[in-house]
N, C-alpha and C. Protein backbone atom coordinates (compact mmCIF):
# COMPACT_ATOMS: atom_id res chain seq x y z
N UNK A 1 110.45 70.30 -33.28
CA UNK A 1 109.58 69.38 -32.55
C UNK A 1 109.46 69.79 -31.08
N UNK A 2 110.49 70.37 -30.52
CA UNK A 2 110.48 70.73 -29.10
C UNK A 2 109.75 72.05 -28.84
N UNK A 3 109.62 72.86 -29.84
CA UNK A 3 109.14 74.23 -29.63
C UNK A 3 107.70 74.27 -29.12
N UNK A 4 106.79 73.55 -29.74
CA UNK A 4 105.37 73.66 -29.37
C UNK A 4 105.13 73.26 -27.92
N UNK A 5 105.68 72.14 -27.49
CA UNK A 5 105.45 71.72 -26.11
C UNK A 5 106.11 72.68 -25.13
N UNK A 6 107.27 73.21 -25.50
CA UNK A 6 107.99 74.10 -24.60
C UNK A 6 107.32 75.46 -24.51
N UNK A 7 106.71 75.93 -25.59
CA UNK A 7 105.92 77.16 -25.52
C UNK A 7 104.78 76.96 -24.52
N UNK A 8 104.09 75.83 -24.64
CA UNK A 8 102.97 75.56 -23.74
C UNK A 8 103.43 75.46 -22.29
N UNK A 9 104.56 74.82 -22.04
CA UNK A 9 105.10 74.73 -20.68
C UNK A 9 105.41 76.13 -20.14
N UNK A 10 105.97 76.97 -21.00
CA UNK A 10 106.33 78.32 -20.59
C UNK A 10 105.08 79.14 -20.26
N UNK A 11 104.07 79.03 -21.11
CA UNK A 11 102.83 79.75 -20.86
C UNK A 11 102.15 79.25 -19.58
N UNK A 12 102.17 77.94 -19.35
CA UNK A 12 101.59 77.38 -18.14
C UNK A 12 102.36 77.87 -16.91
N UNK A 13 103.69 77.89 -16.99
CA UNK A 13 104.51 78.40 -15.89
C UNK A 13 104.07 79.82 -15.53
N UNK A 14 103.97 80.69 -16.51
CA UNK A 14 103.59 82.08 -16.24
C UNK A 14 102.16 82.18 -15.71
N UNK A 15 101.27 81.37 -16.24
CA UNK A 15 99.88 81.36 -15.77
C UNK A 15 99.84 80.99 -14.28
N UNK A 16 100.51 79.91 -13.92
CA UNK A 16 100.51 79.46 -12.53
C UNK A 16 101.22 80.46 -11.61
N UNK A 17 102.33 80.98 -12.08
CA UNK A 17 103.10 81.94 -11.28
C UNK A 17 102.29 83.20 -11.00
N UNK A 18 101.56 83.67 -12.01
CA UNK A 18 100.76 84.88 -11.85
C UNK A 18 99.58 84.68 -10.89
N UNK A 19 99.17 83.45 -10.69
CA UNK A 19 97.99 83.19 -9.89
C UNK A 19 98.27 82.66 -8.47
N UNK A 20 99.49 82.29 -8.21
CA UNK A 20 99.78 81.75 -6.88
C UNK A 20 100.02 82.87 -5.87
N UNK A 21 99.54 82.64 -4.68
CA UNK A 21 99.81 83.55 -3.58
C UNK A 21 100.62 82.84 -2.50
N UNK A 22 100.91 81.58 -2.74
CA UNK A 22 101.65 80.76 -1.78
C UNK A 22 103.15 80.83 -2.10
N UNK A 23 103.94 81.30 -1.16
CA UNK A 23 105.38 81.47 -1.38
C UNK A 23 106.09 80.16 -1.69
N UNK A 24 105.69 79.10 -1.02
CA UNK A 24 106.33 77.80 -1.27
C UNK A 24 106.03 77.30 -2.68
N UNK A 25 104.79 77.48 -3.12
CA UNK A 25 104.43 77.09 -4.48
C UNK A 25 105.20 77.94 -5.49
N UNK A 26 105.33 79.21 -5.19
CA UNK A 26 106.08 80.11 -6.07
C UNK A 26 107.54 79.65 -6.18
N UNK A 27 108.12 79.26 -5.06
CA UNK A 27 109.51 78.77 -5.07
C UNK A 27 109.63 77.52 -5.93
N UNK A 28 108.67 76.62 -5.80
CA UNK A 28 108.70 75.39 -6.61
C UNK A 28 108.59 75.73 -8.09
N UNK A 29 107.68 76.61 -8.44
CA UNK A 29 107.51 77.00 -9.84
C UNK A 29 108.77 77.65 -10.40
N UNK A 30 109.31 78.61 -9.65
CA UNK A 30 110.51 79.32 -10.11
C UNK A 30 111.70 78.37 -10.22
N UNK A 31 111.88 77.51 -9.23
CA UNK A 31 112.99 76.55 -9.25
C UNK A 31 112.87 75.59 -10.42
N UNK A 32 111.67 75.12 -10.66
CA UNK A 32 111.44 74.19 -11.77
C UNK A 32 111.74 74.86 -13.12
N UNK A 33 111.31 76.11 -13.24
CA UNK A 33 111.56 76.85 -14.48
C UNK A 33 113.06 77.06 -14.69
N UNK A 34 113.76 77.43 -13.62
CA UNK A 34 115.22 77.60 -13.71
C UNK A 34 115.89 76.29 -14.12
N UNK A 35 115.48 75.20 -13.51
CA UNK A 35 116.09 73.92 -13.83
C UNK A 35 115.81 73.52 -15.27
N UNK A 36 114.64 73.84 -15.77
CA UNK A 36 114.32 73.55 -17.16
C UNK A 36 115.24 74.30 -18.12
N UNK A 37 115.47 75.56 -17.84
CA UNK A 37 116.37 76.34 -18.69
C UNK A 37 117.80 75.84 -18.56
N UNK A 38 118.21 75.57 -17.32
CA UNK A 38 119.57 75.08 -17.09
C UNK A 38 119.81 73.76 -17.83
N UNK A 39 118.86 72.85 -17.71
CA UNK A 39 119.08 71.53 -18.31
C UNK A 39 118.85 71.51 -19.82
N UNK A 40 118.06 72.43 -20.32
CA UNK A 40 117.75 72.42 -21.74
C UNK A 40 118.60 73.40 -22.54
N UNK A 41 118.87 74.56 -22.01
CA UNK A 41 119.68 75.53 -22.74
C UNK A 41 121.16 75.34 -22.43
N UNK A 42 121.52 75.49 -21.17
CA UNK A 42 122.95 75.43 -20.81
C UNK A 42 123.53 74.03 -20.97
N UNK A 43 122.84 73.04 -20.43
CA UNK A 43 123.40 71.68 -20.47
C UNK A 43 123.47 71.14 -21.90
N UNK A 44 122.46 71.39 -22.69
CA UNK A 44 122.48 70.90 -24.06
C UNK A 44 123.52 71.64 -24.89
N UNK A 45 123.76 72.91 -24.59
CA UNK A 45 124.86 73.64 -25.25
C UNK A 45 126.19 73.02 -24.85
N UNK A 46 126.32 72.66 -23.59
CA UNK A 46 127.51 71.95 -23.10
C UNK A 46 127.70 70.66 -23.90
N UNK A 47 126.62 69.89 -24.03
CA UNK A 47 126.69 68.64 -24.79
C UNK A 47 127.08 68.89 -26.25
N UNK A 48 126.51 69.91 -26.85
CA UNK A 48 126.83 70.23 -28.25
C UNK A 48 128.30 70.62 -28.38
N UNK A 49 128.82 71.33 -27.41
CA UNK A 49 130.23 71.70 -27.41
C UNK A 49 131.11 70.44 -27.33
N UNK A 50 130.73 69.53 -26.45
CA UNK A 50 131.48 68.28 -26.32
C UNK A 50 131.42 67.49 -27.64
N UNK A 51 130.24 67.41 -28.21
CA UNK A 51 130.07 66.68 -29.46
C UNK A 51 130.93 67.30 -30.57
N UNK A 52 130.95 68.61 -30.65
CA UNK A 52 131.78 69.29 -31.65
C UNK A 52 133.25 68.94 -31.45
N UNK A 53 133.68 68.94 -30.20
CA UNK A 53 135.07 68.59 -29.90
C UNK A 53 135.39 67.16 -30.34
N UNK A 54 134.45 66.25 -30.12
CA UNK A 54 134.68 64.85 -30.48
C UNK A 54 134.76 64.68 -32.00
N UNK A 55 133.92 65.40 -32.72
CA UNK A 55 133.97 65.32 -34.18
C UNK A 55 135.30 65.88 -34.70
N UNK A 56 135.78 66.94 -34.06
CA UNK A 56 137.08 67.48 -34.46
C UNK A 56 138.20 66.46 -34.20
N UNK A 57 138.07 65.72 -33.10
CA UNK A 57 139.07 64.68 -32.81
C UNK A 57 139.06 63.61 -33.90
N UNK A 58 137.88 63.20 -34.31
CA UNK A 58 137.77 62.18 -35.36
C UNK A 58 138.39 62.70 -36.66
N UNK A 59 138.06 63.95 -37.01
CA UNK A 59 138.60 64.54 -38.23
C UNK A 59 140.13 64.65 -38.20
N UNK A 60 140.68 64.80 -37.00
CA UNK A 60 142.14 64.91 -36.85
C UNK A 60 142.79 63.55 -36.62
N UNK A 61 142.02 62.47 -36.74
CA UNK A 61 142.49 61.11 -36.51
C UNK A 61 143.09 60.91 -35.12
N UNK A 62 142.53 61.62 -34.14
CA UNK A 62 142.95 61.44 -32.75
C UNK A 62 142.20 60.26 -32.16
N UNK A 63 142.82 59.52 -31.25
CA UNK A 63 142.15 58.34 -30.68
C UNK A 63 140.98 58.74 -29.78
N UNK A 64 139.89 58.02 -29.92
CA UNK A 64 138.69 58.25 -29.12
C UNK A 64 138.64 57.20 -28.02
N UNK A 65 139.48 57.35 -27.03
CA UNK A 65 139.56 56.39 -25.93
C UNK A 65 138.93 57.02 -24.69
N UNK A 66 138.37 56.19 -23.81
CA UNK A 66 137.63 56.72 -22.66
C UNK A 66 138.38 57.74 -21.81
N UNK A 67 139.65 57.51 -21.50
CA UNK A 67 140.33 58.46 -20.62
C UNK A 67 140.47 59.83 -21.28
N UNK A 68 140.67 59.87 -22.59
CA UNK A 68 140.77 61.15 -23.30
C UNK A 68 139.40 61.84 -23.31
N UNK A 69 138.34 61.08 -23.58
CA UNK A 69 136.99 61.65 -23.60
C UNK A 69 136.61 62.16 -22.20
N UNK A 70 136.97 61.40 -21.17
CA UNK A 70 136.69 61.84 -19.79
C UNK A 70 137.43 63.14 -19.47
N UNK A 71 138.67 63.23 -19.90
CA UNK A 71 139.44 64.46 -19.65
C UNK A 71 138.82 65.66 -20.37
N UNK A 72 138.42 65.46 -21.62
CA UNK A 72 137.80 66.55 -22.38
C UNK A 72 136.48 66.97 -21.72
N UNK A 73 135.72 65.99 -21.28
CA UNK A 73 134.43 66.26 -20.64
C UNK A 73 134.64 67.04 -19.35
N UNK A 74 135.62 66.62 -18.57
CA UNK A 74 135.94 67.30 -17.31
C UNK A 74 136.37 68.74 -17.58
N UNK A 75 137.19 68.93 -18.61
CA UNK A 75 137.64 70.29 -18.97
C UNK A 75 136.45 71.18 -19.32
N UNK A 76 135.47 70.62 -20.05
CA UNK A 76 134.28 71.40 -20.41
C UNK A 76 133.45 71.74 -19.18
N UNK A 77 133.35 70.81 -18.25
CA UNK A 77 132.64 71.10 -17.01
C UNK A 77 133.25 72.31 -16.32
N UNK A 78 134.57 72.36 -16.29
CA UNK A 78 135.27 73.48 -15.65
C UNK A 78 134.93 74.79 -16.36
N UNK A 79 134.84 74.76 -17.68
CA UNK A 79 134.51 75.96 -18.45
C UNK A 79 133.07 76.39 -18.19
N UNK A 80 132.13 75.44 -18.25
CA UNK A 80 130.71 75.77 -18.13
C UNK A 80 130.26 76.08 -16.71
N UNK A 81 130.85 75.41 -15.72
CA UNK A 81 130.37 75.55 -14.35
C UNK A 81 131.30 76.33 -13.44
N UNK A 82 132.52 76.56 -13.88
CA UNK A 82 133.44 77.39 -13.10
C UNK A 82 134.19 76.63 -12.03
N UNK A 83 135.11 77.33 -11.39
CA UNK A 83 136.01 76.68 -10.43
C UNK A 83 135.34 76.21 -9.15
N UNK A 84 134.18 76.72 -8.82
CA UNK A 84 133.51 76.33 -7.58
C UNK A 84 132.74 75.03 -7.69
N UNK A 85 132.65 74.47 -8.88
CA UNK A 85 131.88 73.25 -9.11
C UNK A 85 132.79 72.04 -8.92
N UNK A 86 132.39 71.11 -8.09
CA UNK A 86 133.18 69.90 -7.85
C UNK A 86 132.85 68.86 -8.91
N UNK A 87 133.88 68.41 -9.59
CA UNK A 87 133.72 67.42 -10.65
C UNK A 87 134.34 66.12 -10.15
N UNK A 88 133.49 65.19 -9.69
CA UNK A 88 134.06 63.93 -9.23
C UNK A 88 134.29 63.00 -10.42
N UNK A 89 135.03 61.95 -10.17
CA UNK A 89 135.44 61.07 -11.28
C UNK A 89 134.24 60.46 -12.01
N UNK A 90 133.21 60.06 -11.27
CA UNK A 90 132.06 59.43 -11.93
C UNK A 90 131.38 60.39 -12.91
N UNK A 91 131.41 61.67 -12.61
CA UNK A 91 130.80 62.66 -13.49
C UNK A 91 131.54 62.77 -14.83
N UNK A 92 132.82 62.47 -14.83
CA UNK A 92 133.59 62.56 -16.08
C UNK A 92 133.17 61.49 -17.08
N UNK A 93 132.46 60.46 -16.61
CA UNK A 93 131.98 59.38 -17.50
C UNK A 93 130.56 59.63 -18.01
N UNK A 94 129.98 60.74 -17.65
CA UNK A 94 128.60 61.04 -18.04
C UNK A 94 128.40 60.95 -19.55
N UNK A 95 129.38 61.39 -20.32
CA UNK A 95 129.28 61.39 -21.78
C UNK A 95 128.88 60.01 -22.32
N UNK A 96 129.30 58.94 -21.63
CA UNK A 96 129.07 57.59 -22.13
C UNK A 96 127.60 57.17 -22.05
N UNK A 97 126.82 57.85 -21.22
CA UNK A 97 125.42 57.47 -21.06
C UNK A 97 124.44 58.40 -21.77
N UNK A 98 124.95 59.34 -22.52
CA UNK A 98 124.08 60.29 -23.23
C UNK A 98 123.79 59.73 -24.63
N UNK A 99 122.60 59.17 -24.83
CA UNK A 99 122.31 58.53 -26.12
C UNK A 99 122.29 59.49 -27.30
N UNK A 100 122.03 60.77 -27.05
CA UNK A 100 121.96 61.73 -28.15
C UNK A 100 123.30 61.90 -28.86
N UNK A 101 124.39 61.56 -28.21
CA UNK A 101 125.69 61.70 -28.86
C UNK A 101 125.84 60.73 -30.04
N UNK A 102 124.95 59.76 -30.11
CA UNK A 102 125.02 58.78 -31.20
C UNK A 102 124.12 59.17 -32.37
N UNK A 103 123.54 60.34 -32.30
CA UNK A 103 122.81 60.94 -33.41
C UNK A 103 123.48 62.27 -33.68
N UNK A 104 124.37 62.31 -34.64
CA UNK A 104 125.21 63.50 -34.84
C UNK A 104 124.45 64.82 -34.86
N UNK A 105 124.94 65.74 -34.06
CA UNK A 105 124.46 67.12 -34.02
C UNK A 105 122.95 67.22 -33.81
N UNK A 106 122.49 66.52 -32.79
CA UNK A 106 121.09 66.53 -32.42
C UNK A 106 120.84 67.39 -31.18
N UNK A 107 121.78 67.37 -30.23
CA UNK A 107 121.53 67.99 -28.92
C UNK A 107 121.33 69.51 -28.99
N UNK A 108 121.97 70.17 -29.94
CA UNK A 108 121.83 71.63 -30.01
C UNK A 108 120.38 72.04 -30.23
N UNK A 109 119.58 71.12 -30.80
CA UNK A 109 118.19 71.45 -31.10
C UNK A 109 117.37 71.71 -29.83
N UNK A 110 117.76 71.10 -28.73
CA UNK A 110 117.08 71.38 -27.47
C UNK A 110 117.33 72.83 -27.05
N UNK A 111 118.58 73.25 -27.16
CA UNK A 111 118.94 74.62 -26.77
C UNK A 111 118.26 75.65 -27.68
N UNK A 112 118.25 75.39 -28.97
CA UNK A 112 117.59 76.32 -29.88
C UNK A 112 116.07 76.26 -29.69
N UNK A 113 115.55 75.06 -29.41
CA UNK A 113 114.11 74.91 -29.21
C UNK A 113 113.60 75.69 -28.01
N UNK A 114 114.30 75.59 -26.87
CA UNK A 114 113.84 76.32 -25.70
C UNK A 114 114.01 77.83 -25.89
N UNK A 115 115.05 78.22 -26.59
CA UNK A 115 115.24 79.65 -26.86
C UNK A 115 114.11 80.19 -27.72
N UNK A 116 113.75 79.47 -28.77
CA UNK A 116 112.64 79.88 -29.63
C UNK A 116 111.33 79.89 -28.83
N UNK A 117 111.13 78.88 -28.00
CA UNK A 117 109.89 78.78 -27.22
C UNK A 117 109.75 79.93 -26.24
N UNK A 118 110.83 80.27 -25.57
CA UNK A 118 110.78 81.39 -24.61
C UNK A 118 110.46 82.68 -25.35
N UNK A 119 111.05 82.88 -26.53
CA UNK A 119 110.76 84.09 -27.31
C UNK A 119 109.31 84.12 -27.78
N UNK A 120 108.81 82.97 -28.23
CA UNK A 120 107.41 82.91 -28.67
C UNK A 120 106.46 83.19 -27.51
N UNK A 121 106.72 82.56 -26.37
CA UNK A 121 105.86 82.76 -25.20
C UNK A 121 105.92 84.21 -24.74
N UNK A 122 107.11 84.79 -24.77
CA UNK A 122 107.27 86.20 -24.40
C UNK A 122 106.42 87.08 -25.33
N UNK A 123 106.45 86.78 -26.62
CA UNK A 123 105.64 87.53 -27.58
C UNK A 123 104.16 87.40 -27.30
N UNK A 124 103.72 86.18 -26.99
CA UNK A 124 102.31 85.95 -26.70
C UNK A 124 101.89 86.71 -25.44
N UNK A 125 102.73 86.63 -24.41
CA UNK A 125 102.40 87.30 -23.15
C UNK A 125 102.44 88.82 -23.26
N UNK A 126 103.35 89.35 -24.05
CA UNK A 126 103.53 90.81 -24.14
C UNK A 126 102.71 91.45 -25.25
N UNK A 127 102.50 90.74 -26.34
CA UNK A 127 101.84 91.32 -27.50
C UNK A 127 100.39 90.88 -27.64
N UNK A 128 100.11 89.69 -27.20
CA UNK A 128 98.73 89.20 -27.27
C UNK A 128 98.35 88.65 -28.63
N UNK A 129 97.20 89.07 -29.10
CA UNK A 129 96.56 88.48 -30.28
C UNK A 129 97.45 88.35 -31.52
N UNK A 130 98.21 89.38 -31.92
CA UNK A 130 99.05 89.20 -33.12
C UNK A 130 100.07 88.05 -32.94
N UNK A 131 100.64 87.94 -31.76
CA UNK A 131 101.62 86.87 -31.51
C UNK A 131 100.92 85.51 -31.43
N UNK A 132 99.71 85.48 -30.88
CA UNK A 132 98.95 84.23 -30.83
C UNK A 132 98.65 83.75 -32.25
N UNK A 133 98.21 84.67 -33.11
CA UNK A 133 97.90 84.30 -34.51
C UNK A 133 99.15 83.78 -35.22
N UNK A 134 100.26 84.46 -35.03
CA UNK A 134 101.52 84.02 -35.67
C UNK A 134 101.93 82.65 -35.15
N UNK A 135 101.75 82.42 -33.85
CA UNK A 135 102.10 81.13 -33.26
C UNK A 135 101.18 80.02 -33.78
N UNK A 136 99.89 80.29 -33.86
CA UNK A 136 98.96 79.28 -34.38
C UNK A 136 99.26 78.96 -35.85
N UNK A 137 99.64 79.97 -36.63
CA UNK A 137 100.06 79.71 -38.01
C UNK A 137 101.31 78.84 -38.04
N UNK A 138 102.23 79.10 -37.12
CA UNK A 138 103.44 78.27 -36.98
C UNK A 138 103.03 76.82 -36.74
N UNK A 139 102.10 76.59 -35.81
CA UNK A 139 101.66 75.23 -35.50
C UNK A 139 100.97 74.58 -36.70
N UNK A 140 100.13 75.35 -37.38
CA UNK A 140 99.42 74.82 -38.56
C UNK A 140 100.36 74.43 -39.69
N UNK A 141 101.48 75.12 -39.76
CA UNK A 141 102.40 74.90 -40.89
C UNK A 141 103.14 73.57 -40.80
N UNK A 142 103.15 72.96 -39.61
CA UNK A 142 103.80 71.65 -39.47
C UNK A 142 105.22 71.68 -39.99
N UNK A 143 105.54 70.72 -40.83
CA UNK A 143 106.88 70.65 -41.41
C UNK A 143 106.91 71.12 -42.85
N UNK A 144 106.05 72.07 -43.19
CA UNK A 144 105.92 72.49 -44.59
C UNK A 144 107.12 73.26 -45.12
N UNK A 145 107.92 73.83 -44.22
CA UNK A 145 109.11 74.58 -44.62
C UNK A 145 110.23 74.26 -43.66
N UNK A 146 111.39 74.81 -43.92
CA UNK A 146 112.51 74.68 -43.02
C UNK A 146 112.14 75.31 -41.68
N UNK A 147 112.50 74.67 -40.56
CA UNK A 147 112.12 75.20 -39.25
C UNK A 147 112.55 76.66 -39.02
N UNK A 148 113.70 77.04 -39.50
CA UNK A 148 114.15 78.42 -39.27
C UNK A 148 113.22 79.42 -39.98
N UNK A 149 112.68 79.02 -41.15
CA UNK A 149 111.75 79.89 -41.87
C UNK A 149 110.39 79.94 -41.16
N UNK A 150 109.95 78.80 -40.65
CA UNK A 150 108.68 78.76 -39.92
C UNK A 150 108.74 79.61 -38.66
N UNK A 151 109.85 79.51 -37.94
CA UNK A 151 110.01 80.31 -36.72
C UNK A 151 110.09 81.80 -37.04
N UNK A 152 110.79 82.13 -38.11
CA UNK A 152 110.90 83.54 -38.51
C UNK A 152 109.50 84.11 -38.80
N UNK A 153 108.68 83.33 -39.49
CA UNK A 153 107.31 83.78 -39.79
C UNK A 153 106.48 83.94 -38.51
N UNK A 154 106.85 83.19 -37.47
CA UNK A 154 106.14 83.28 -36.19
C UNK A 154 106.69 84.42 -35.33
N UNK A 155 107.76 85.06 -35.79
CA UNK A 155 108.30 86.21 -35.07
C UNK A 155 109.60 85.96 -34.33
N UNK A 156 110.21 84.80 -34.56
CA UNK A 156 111.47 84.47 -33.89
C UNK A 156 112.53 84.17 -34.95
N UNK A 157 113.53 85.00 -35.02
CA UNK A 157 114.59 84.83 -36.01
C UNK A 157 115.79 84.13 -35.36
N UNK A 158 115.90 82.84 -35.61
CA UNK A 158 116.97 82.04 -35.00
C UNK A 158 118.32 82.27 -35.64
N UNK A 159 118.38 83.08 -36.69
CA UNK A 159 119.68 83.43 -37.28
C UNK A 159 120.31 84.62 -36.55
N UNK A 160 119.59 85.16 -35.60
CA UNK A 160 120.06 86.29 -34.80
C UNK A 160 120.20 85.85 -33.34
N UNK A 161 120.97 86.57 -32.54
CA UNK A 161 121.17 86.16 -31.14
C UNK A 161 119.98 86.44 -30.21
N UNK A 162 118.98 87.20 -30.65
CA UNK A 162 117.91 87.63 -29.74
C UNK A 162 117.20 86.48 -29.01
N UNK A 163 116.86 85.38 -29.67
CA UNK A 163 116.19 84.31 -28.91
C UNK A 163 117.06 83.75 -27.77
N UNK A 164 118.35 83.66 -27.98
CA UNK A 164 119.25 83.19 -26.92
C UNK A 164 119.30 84.24 -25.81
N UNK A 165 119.38 85.50 -26.20
CA UNK A 165 119.38 86.60 -25.22
C UNK A 165 118.08 86.58 -24.41
N UNK A 166 116.95 86.34 -25.09
CA UNK A 166 115.67 86.25 -24.38
C UNK A 166 115.68 85.13 -23.36
N UNK A 167 116.24 83.98 -23.73
CA UNK A 167 116.28 82.83 -22.82
C UNK A 167 117.17 83.11 -21.61
N UNK A 168 118.33 83.71 -21.85
CA UNK A 168 119.24 84.05 -20.75
C UNK A 168 118.60 85.11 -19.84
N UNK A 169 117.94 86.07 -20.45
CA UNK A 169 117.26 87.12 -19.66
C UNK A 169 116.13 86.49 -18.84
N UNK A 170 115.40 85.54 -19.41
CA UNK A 170 114.34 84.85 -18.69
C UNK A 170 114.93 84.11 -17.48
N UNK A 171 116.07 83.48 -17.67
CA UNK A 171 116.75 82.79 -16.58
C UNK A 171 117.11 83.80 -15.48
N UNK A 172 117.71 84.91 -15.88
CA UNK A 172 118.12 85.94 -14.91
C UNK A 172 116.92 86.49 -14.14
N UNK A 173 115.84 86.79 -14.85
CA UNK A 173 114.64 87.32 -14.21
C UNK A 173 114.03 86.31 -13.25
N UNK A 174 114.03 85.05 -13.63
CA UNK A 174 113.48 84.00 -12.78
C UNK A 174 114.34 83.82 -11.53
N UNK A 175 115.65 83.88 -11.69
CA UNK A 175 116.55 83.77 -10.53
C UNK A 175 116.35 84.95 -9.59
N UNK A 176 116.20 86.13 -10.13
CA UNK A 176 115.95 87.32 -9.31
C UNK A 176 114.64 87.16 -8.54
N UNK A 177 113.60 86.67 -9.21
CA UNK A 177 112.31 86.46 -8.55
C UNK A 177 112.42 85.40 -7.46
N UNK A 178 113.20 84.36 -7.69
CA UNK A 178 113.39 83.32 -6.68
C UNK A 178 114.10 83.89 -5.45
N UNK A 179 115.14 84.66 -5.67
CA UNK A 179 115.86 85.28 -4.55
C UNK A 179 114.94 86.21 -3.77
N UNK A 180 114.12 86.98 -4.46
CA UNK A 180 113.19 87.90 -3.80
C UNK A 180 112.16 87.12 -2.98
N UNK A 181 111.71 86.01 -3.49
CA UNK A 181 110.73 85.20 -2.77
C UNK A 181 111.35 84.62 -1.49
N UNK A 182 112.58 84.17 -1.58
CA UNK A 182 113.29 83.70 -0.38
C UNK A 182 113.42 84.82 0.64
N UNK A 183 113.73 86.02 0.19
CA UNK A 183 113.86 87.17 1.11
C UNK A 183 112.52 87.45 1.79
N UNK A 184 111.42 87.37 1.03
CA UNK A 184 110.09 87.60 1.60
C UNK A 184 109.78 86.60 2.71
N UNK A 185 110.15 85.36 2.50
CA UNK A 185 109.89 84.32 3.49
C UNK A 185 110.69 84.56 4.76
N UNK A 186 111.93 85.00 4.59
CA UNK A 186 112.81 85.23 5.75
C UNK A 186 112.39 86.43 6.58
N UNK A 187 111.71 87.40 5.95
CA UNK A 187 111.35 88.60 6.69
C UNK A 187 110.01 88.51 7.36
């Protein structure tokens, strides 16, 4: 469900980025794109990791009490964001306000969705017509098959690491472009 809208967002981002000559607009576009990947790929993977840990706790008959959940959440923040990230106490309660945790194993779909979308958009931008036709067939197919089969037919194999690699590479390239734009402004 997330793939179609995210492909369009990605294509629009590239369209606008390719046409802007204004450095400030470019910075806004690049920053927004980075934040979208961070919040959809990295953050949702973080959430999925937390959710997996909580399910393991339930399976092991461990108590699901707030202080334990806060500690686990804080520990994951340290893993995902590193030692330079300040984790204040209020942030450790974030898990309690995430409604997706009440729909088992839902959050990972955002991370896989943006990864598939970035790969599809990359194919459209780099390959052109064949990728456009495959993508339109993907859209036409609706829910006629399992999503992994529909994506594979569109040229994205989610059983392989490439879509995740494409998304991480897109993040890296966007960050590099943002840094270069800042350098241009300073000089």
